[in-house]
Amino acid sequence: MVLIGILMVIVGFALKLDSIAVIIISALATGFAANMDITEILSILGNTFVNQRLITIFILTLPVIGISERYGLKEKAVELIKQVKNLSTGKLLTLYCLIRQIAGAMSLRISGHPQFVRPLINPMAQGAAISKYGKIDEKTEAKIKAAAASMDNYGNFYGQNLFLASSGVLLIANTLSDLGYATSGLDIAKASIPVAIIAFGLVVIQNILLDKRLEREFGKKNK
């Protein structure tokens, strides 16, 4: 009888009933079947919602981004970047990586690929290339898209370890402490500084090479 909630969810979704109502009623039925009182059931529901609220917030942002894209978010981003002179694709991506790294060091989240790179950074990077060289082919678009995604990865990965209270830093510090190496989050953050600097230096080189590749492939065509 405890598993009756699963059956109710399946039937409710199959009949296309209100999702929230189905889930709540199923949860109540499962709780009553397990001999729980209403206070305990509501407490579990509340605690679960609070613990999973970040996932809920993430999911809610996706339709917002979709609606924004439908009504011209990408086009506005491209128009904006076209108005900025002397800003190449590589320079834009380097700037974004720097911002991402600094934000990570301050434990500020910029969301990442779905909410930021796809609707904004990638179109702006491609807009910078189009503004400078005119039309670009699909292969180049794919390369710029991959470069934009990698900038987010580099900035977030190497930036978040600069914040001494980030989950990754605390995990490393606790693991080393359990192995007998006395260390703290501050020690890990300090050790991450030169790594982050080296990583950003490699990012600069990568984006310079990207600009040179674009110039080599499209610069002569537009002369």
Protein backbone atom coordinates (compact mmCIF):
# COMPACT_ATOMS: atom_id res chain seq x y z
CA MET A 1 0.00 0.00 0.00
CA VAL A 2 2.92 2.35 0.60
CA LEU A 3 3.67 2.33 -3.13
CA ILE A 4 0.16 3.45 -4.04
CA GLY A 5 1.52 6.95 -4.61
CA ILE A 6 3.55 5.74 -7.59
CA LEU A 7 0.44 4.22 -9.18
CA MET A 8 -1.48 7.45 -8.61
CA VAL A 9 1.29 9.49 -10.28
CA ILE A 10 1.32 7.18 -13.32
CA VAL A 11 -2.47 7.25 -13.67
CA GLY A 12 -2.66 11.01 -13.09
CA PHE A 13 -0.03 11.79 -15.72
CA ALA A 14 -1.58 9.30 -18.15
CA LEU A 15 -4.94 11.08 -17.80
CA LYS A 16 -3.15 14.45 -18.18
CA LEU A 17 -4.47 15.77 -14.88
CA ASP A 18 -2.96 18.79 -13.12
CA SER A 19 0.65 17.80 -12.34
CA ILE A 20 0.98 19.65 -9.01
CA ALA A 21 -2.36 18.30 -7.75
CA VAL A 22 -1.41 14.75 -8.74
CA ILE A 23 1.95 14.95 -6.96
CA ILE A 24 0.51 16.44 -3.76
CA ILE A 25 -2.39 13.97 -3.57
CA SER A 26 -0.02 11.08 -4.28
CA ALA A 27 2.33 12.26 -1.54
CA LEU A 28 -0.54 12.53 0.94
CA ALA A 29 -1.83 9.08 0.01
CA THR A 30 1.64 7.57 0.42
CA GLY A 31 2.06 9.23 3.81
CA PHE A 32 -1.30 8.05 5.11
CA ALA A 33 -0.57 4.53 3.83
CA ALA A 34 2.67 4.62 5.85
CA ASN A 35 0.71 5.59 8.99
CA MET A 36 2.10 9.13 9.09
CA ASP A 37 0.07 12.05 10.41
CA ILE A 38 -0.67 15.15 8.33
CA THR A 39 1.88 17.29 10.19
CA GLU A 40 4.71 14.87 9.44
CA ILE A 41 3.70 14.59 5.79
CA LEU A 42 3.60 18.36 5.31
CA SER A 43 6.94 18.69 7.10
CA ILE A 44 8.58 16.21 4.71
CA LEU A 45 7.04 17.95 1.69
CA GLY A 46 8.26 21.34 2.90
CA ASN A 47 11.78 20.17 3.68
CA THR A 48 12.07 18.40 0.32
CA PHE A 49 10.92 21.51 -1.53
CA VAL A 50 13.42 23.72 0.30
CA ASN A 51 16.28 21.27 -0.29
CA GLN A 52 15.49 21.01 -4.01
CA ARG A 53 14.57 24.66 -4.62
CA LEU A 54 17.74 25.41 -6.61
CA ILE A 55 16.83 22.72 -9.13
CA THR A 56 13.33 24.20 -9.37
CA ILE A 57 14.74 27.69 -9.94
CA PHE A 58 17.07 26.33 -12.66
CA ILE A 59 14.15 24.67 -14.46
CA LEU A 60 12.06 27.85 -14.25
CA THR A 61 14.76 29.87 -16.01
CA LEU A 62 14.65 27.70 -19.14
CA PRO A 63 11.20 28.78 -20.41
CA VAL A 64 12.09 32.40 -19.63
CA ILE A 65 15.20 32.10 -21.81
CA GLY A 66 13.16 30.38 -24.53
CA ILE A 67 10.58 33.17 -24.59
CA SER A 68 13.32 35.81 -24.65
CA GLU A 69 14.99 34.09 -27.61
CA ARG A 70 11.68 33.86 -29.44
CA TYR A 71 11.19 37.61 -29.13
CA GLY A 72 14.62 38.61 -30.38
CA LEU A 73 17.16 38.24 -27.58
CA LYS A 74 19.81 36.83 -29.94
CA GLU A 75 19.18 39.48 -32.57
CA LYS A 76 19.49 42.29 -30.03
CA ALA A 77 22.73 40.80 -28.71
CA VAL A 78 24.17 40.65 -32.23
CA GLU A 79 23.08 44.23 -32.99
CA LEU A 80 24.69 45.44 -29.76
CA ILE A 81 28.03 43.79 -30.46
CA LYS A 82 28.08 45.11 -34.05
CA GLN A 83 28.02 48.65 -32.68
CA VAL A 84 31.23 48.08 -30.72
CA LYS A 85 34.20 48.72 -32.98
CA ASN A 86 37.51 46.82 -32.77
CA LEU A 87 35.98 44.07 -30.64
CA SER A 88 36.89 40.75 -32.20
CA THR A 89 35.43 37.36 -31.40
CA GLY A 90 38.54 36.34 -29.48
CA LYS A 91 38.62 39.53 -27.42
CA LEU A 92 34.96 39.14 -26.49
CA LEU A 93 35.45 35.53 -25.40
CA THR A 94 38.56 36.45 -23.41
CA LEU A 95 36.61 39.19 -21.64
CA TYR A 96 33.78 36.79 -20.83
CA CYS A 97 36.20 34.20 -19.44
CA LEU A 98 37.78 36.86 -17.22
CA ILE A 99 34.36 37.96 -15.94
CA ARG A 100 33.39 34.32 -15.34
CA GLN A 101 36.61 33.68 -13.44
CA ILE A 102 36.24 36.78 -11.27
CA ALA A 103 32.60 35.92 -10.59
CA GLY A 104 33.63 32.40 -9.58
CA ALA A 105 36.27 33.78 -7.23
CA MET A 106 33.57 35.90 -5.58
CA SER A 107 31.11 32.99 -5.54
CA LEU A 108 28.76 34.81 -7.91
CA ARG A 109 26.91 32.52 -10.29
CA ILE A 110 26.25 33.64 -13.88
CA SER A 111 24.20 30.48 -14.59
CA GLY A 112 26.31 29.10 -17.44
CA HIS A 113 25.54 27.46 -20.78
CA PRO A 114 21.71 27.36 -20.97
CA GLN A 115 20.99 30.78 -19.49
CA PHE A 116 24.00 32.82 -20.60
CA VAL A 117 26.29 31.25 -23.22
CA ARG A 118 23.64 29.98 -25.63
CA PRO A 119 21.35 33.03 -25.73
CA LEU A 120 23.96 35.78 -25.28
CA ILE A 121 27.68 35.01 -25.45
CA ASN A 122 27.61 32.73 -28.49
CA PRO A 123 25.41 35.07 -30.60
CA MET A 124 27.57 38.05 -29.58
CA ALA A 125 30.77 36.18 -30.49
CA GLN A 126 29.33 35.22 -33.86
CA GLY A 127 28.03 38.76 -34.30
CA ALA A 128 31.55 40.10 -33.78
CA ALA A 129 32.81 37.81 -36.54
CA ILE A 130 29.95 38.74 -38.88
CA SER A 131 30.48 42.45 -38.21
CA LYS A 132 34.13 42.15 -39.17
CA TYR A 133 34.06 39.62 -42.00
CA GLY A 134 30.49 39.45 -43.22
CA LYS A 135 28.79 36.08 -43.61
CA ILE A 136 30.54 33.06 -42.05
CA ASP A 137 29.99 29.39 -42.82
CA GLU A 138 28.40 26.75 -40.58
CA LYS A 139 31.75 25.17 -39.72
CA THR A 140 33.03 28.48 -38.36
CA GLU A 141 29.79 29.02 -36.45
CA ALA A 142 30.30 25.63 -34.79
CA LYS A 143 33.89 26.53 -33.87
CA ILE A 144 32.81 29.82 -32.30
CA LYS A 145 30.01 28.06 -30.43
CA ALA A 146 32.49 25.52 -29.05
CA ALA A 147 34.91 28.30 -28.08
CA ALA A 148 32.15 30.19 -26.25
CA ALA A 149 31.20 27.06 -24.31
CA SER A 150 34.82 26.36 -23.41
CA MET A 151 35.28 29.90 -22.04
CA ASP A 152 32.44 29.29 -19.61
CA ASN A 153 34.00 26.00 -18.54
CA TYR A 154 37.47 27.49 -18.05
CA GLY A 155 36.24 30.51 -16.13
CA ASN A 156 33.93 28.57 -13.86
CA PHE A 157 36.27 25.62 -13.23
CA TYR A 158 39.36 27.62 -12.36
CA GLY A 159 37.53 30.56 -10.80
CA GLN A 160 35.41 28.75 -8.24
CA ASN A 161 38.47 27.28 -6.49
CA LEU A 162 39.62 30.82 -5.71
CA PHE A 163 36.71 31.15 -3.27
CA LEU A 164 37.78 29.54 0.01
CA ALA A 165 34.24 28.52 0.98
CA SER A 166 33.21 26.93 -2.32
CA SER A 167 32.05 23.32 -2.24
CA GLY A 168 35.02 22.14 -4.31
CA VAL A 169 37.58 23.83 -2.07
CA LEU A 170 35.94 22.47 1.09
CA LEU A 171 35.83 18.98 -0.40
CA ILE A 172 39.55 19.10 -1.25
CA ALA A 173 40.44 20.50 2.18
CA ASN A 174 38.37 17.89 4.03
CA THR A 175 39.76 15.05 1.93
CA LEU A 176 43.36 16.13 2.57
CA SER A 177 42.62 16.53 6.28
CA ASP A 178 41.18 13.01 6.43
CA LEU A 179 44.37 11.73 4.80
CA GLY A 180 46.49 13.41 7.47
CA TYR A 181 47.49 16.58 5.62
CA ALA A 182 46.58 19.59 7.77
CA THR A 183 45.13 22.17 5.39
CA SER A 184 42.30 24.69 5.15
CA GLY A 185 40.11 26.24 2.49
CA LEU A 186 42.35 29.30 2.47
CA ASP A 187 45.39 27.13 1.66
CA ILE A 188 43.57 25.53 -1.27
CA ALA A 189 42.39 28.92 -2.56
CA LYS A 190 45.94 30.31 -2.41
CA ALA A 191 47.30 27.28 -4.26
CA SER A 192 44.62 27.76 -6.94
CA ILE A 193 45.70 31.33 -7.78
CA PRO A 194 48.72 30.46 -9.98
CA VAL A 195 46.72 27.71 -11.68
CA ALA A 196 43.93 30.18 -12.49
CA ILE A 197 46.45 32.71 -13.85
CA ILE A 198 48.10 30.08 -16.06
CA ALA A 199 44.69 28.90 -17.28
CA PHE A 200 43.69 32.46 -18.19
CA GLY A 201 46.98 32.95 -20.02
CA LEU A 202 46.23 29.86 -22.10
CA VAL A 203 42.74 31.24 -22.76
CA VAL A 204 44.25 34.46 -24.11
CA ILE A 205 46.53 32.48 -26.43
CA GLN A 206 43.65 30.27 -27.58
CA ASN A 207 41.50 33.27 -28.47
CA ILE A 208 44.35 35.08 -30.23
CA LEU A 209 44.78 31.98 -32.38
CA LEU A 210 41.02 31.94 -33.00
CA ASP A 211 41.12 35.55 -34.24
CA LYS A 212 44.09 34.77 -36.48
CA ARG A 213 42.28 31.75 -37.90
CA LEU A 214 39.22 33.85 -38.68
CA GLU A 215 41.39 36.54 -40.27
CA ARG A 216 43.17 33.96 -42.37
CA GLU A 217 39.95 32.31 -43.56
CA PHE A 218 37.74 35.37 -44.08
CA GLY A 219 40.01 38.41 -44.10
CA LYS A 220 41.22 37.93 -47.68
CA LYS A 221 37.69 37.25 -48.94
CA ASN A 222 36.54 40.69 -47.80
CA LYS A 223 39.45 42.66 -49.26
